[in-house]
Amino acid sequence: MAEINIVSIGIAMILLGFLLVFVGTLTGKSDGKVAVGGVIGFIPFGFGNDPQLVKIAIVISAVLAILFIVMALRGFL
């Protein structure tokens, strides 16, 4: 039952992302700033066209990596 809820939340987040991109294209601004972050193994990374957003993406990725490690050590995963 919990897996269905997690999948539903994931699908809702993806649809929300598509909606935000669609609404963003309607504003007509062409100076969009973007940054992407992630974790490979235990190493957080980030890239983008705005240094401040890249720093935020790396910090969020690092926090998620630490959270994942703590949850794994406590046996939640």
Protein backbone atom coordinates (compact mmCIF):
# COMPACT_ATOMS: atom_id res chain seq x y z
CA MET A 1 0.00 0.00 0.00
CA ALA A 2 2.84 2.44 0.80
CA GLU A 3 4.41 1.76 -2.59
CA ILE A 4 1.27 2.91 -4.36
CA ASN A 5 1.33 6.17 -2.41
CA ILE A 6 4.99 6.78 -3.23
CA VAL A 7 4.36 6.11 -6.91
CA SER A 8 1.36 8.45 -6.88
CA ILE A 9 3.44 11.18 -5.27
CA GLY A 10 6.19 10.69 -7.85
CA ILE A 11 3.77 10.88 -10.77
CA ALA A 12 2.15 13.98 -9.27
CA MET A 13 5.56 15.66 -8.94
CA ILE A 14 6.43 14.87 -12.57
CA LEU A 15 3.10 16.28 -13.77
CA LEU A 16 3.63 19.38 -11.63
CA GLY A 17 7.05 19.83 -13.23
CA PHE A 18 5.55 19.63 -16.71
CA LEU A 19 2.88 22.14 -15.70
CA LEU A 20 5.48 24.57 -14.34
CA VAL A 21 7.53 24.32 -17.55
CA PHE A 22 4.40 24.91 -19.64
CA VAL A 23 3.37 27.94 -17.59
CA GLY A 24 6.93 29.24 -17.74
CA THR A 25 6.88 29.18 -21.54
CA LEU A 26 3.73 31.31 -21.55
CA THR A 27 5.43 34.18 -19.69
CA GLY A 28 7.61 34.97 -22.70
CA LYS A 29 10.78 35.69 -20.72
CA SER A 30 13.89 34.43 -22.48
CA ASP A 31 16.43 34.87 -19.68
CA GLY A 32 15.65 31.67 -17.82
CA LYS A 33 18.03 30.44 -15.17
CA VAL A 34 18.38 26.74 -14.59
CA ALA A 35 20.37 24.40 -12.37
CA VAL A 36 20.30 20.64 -11.90
CA GLY A 37 21.72 18.65 -9.02
CA GLY A 38 22.00 15.01 -8.20
CA VAL A 39 23.94 12.33 -6.37
CA ILE A 40 26.11 9.62 -7.88
CA GLY A 41 27.03 7.17 -5.17
CA PHE A 42 27.68 9.47 -2.23
CA ILE A 43 29.03 12.40 -4.28
CA PRO A 44 26.66 15.32 -4.90
CA PHE A 45 27.00 17.27 -8.15
CA GLY A 46 25.34 20.17 -9.90
CA PHE A 47 25.48 22.18 -13.09
CA GLY A 48 23.58 25.07 -14.62
CA ASN A 49 23.83 28.58 -16.02
CA ASP A 50 23.54 30.51 -12.75
CA PRO A 51 26.24 30.07 -10.07
CA GLN A 52 23.87 30.81 -7.17
CA LEU A 53 21.35 28.20 -8.34
CA VAL A 54 24.14 25.65 -8.81
CA LYS A 55 25.25 26.19 -5.21
CA ILE A 56 21.69 25.68 -4.00
CA ALA A 57 21.33 22.52 -6.11
CA ILE A 58 24.56 21.08 -4.70
CA VAL A 59 23.54 21.86 -1.11
CA ILE A 60 20.15 20.20 -1.60
CA SER A 61 21.85 17.18 -3.19
CA ALA A 62 24.32 16.93 -0.31
CA VAL A 63 21.51 17.09 2.26
CA LEU A 64 19.63 14.35 0.42
CA ALA A 65 22.79 12.21 0.23
CA ILE A 66 23.35 12.57 3.99
CA LEU A 67 19.69 11.78 4.66
CA PHE A 68 19.94 8.67 2.49
CA ILE A 69 23.08 7.49 4.29
CA VAL A 70 21.53 8.06 7.73
CA MET A 71 18.37 6.21 6.72
CA ALA A 72 20.43 3.32 5.35
CA LEU A 73 22.47 3.06 8.55
CA ARG A 74 19.34 3.04 10.71
CA GLY A 75 17.78 0.28 8.64
CA PHE A 76 14.96 2.25 7.02
CA LEU A 77 16.07 1.30 3.51
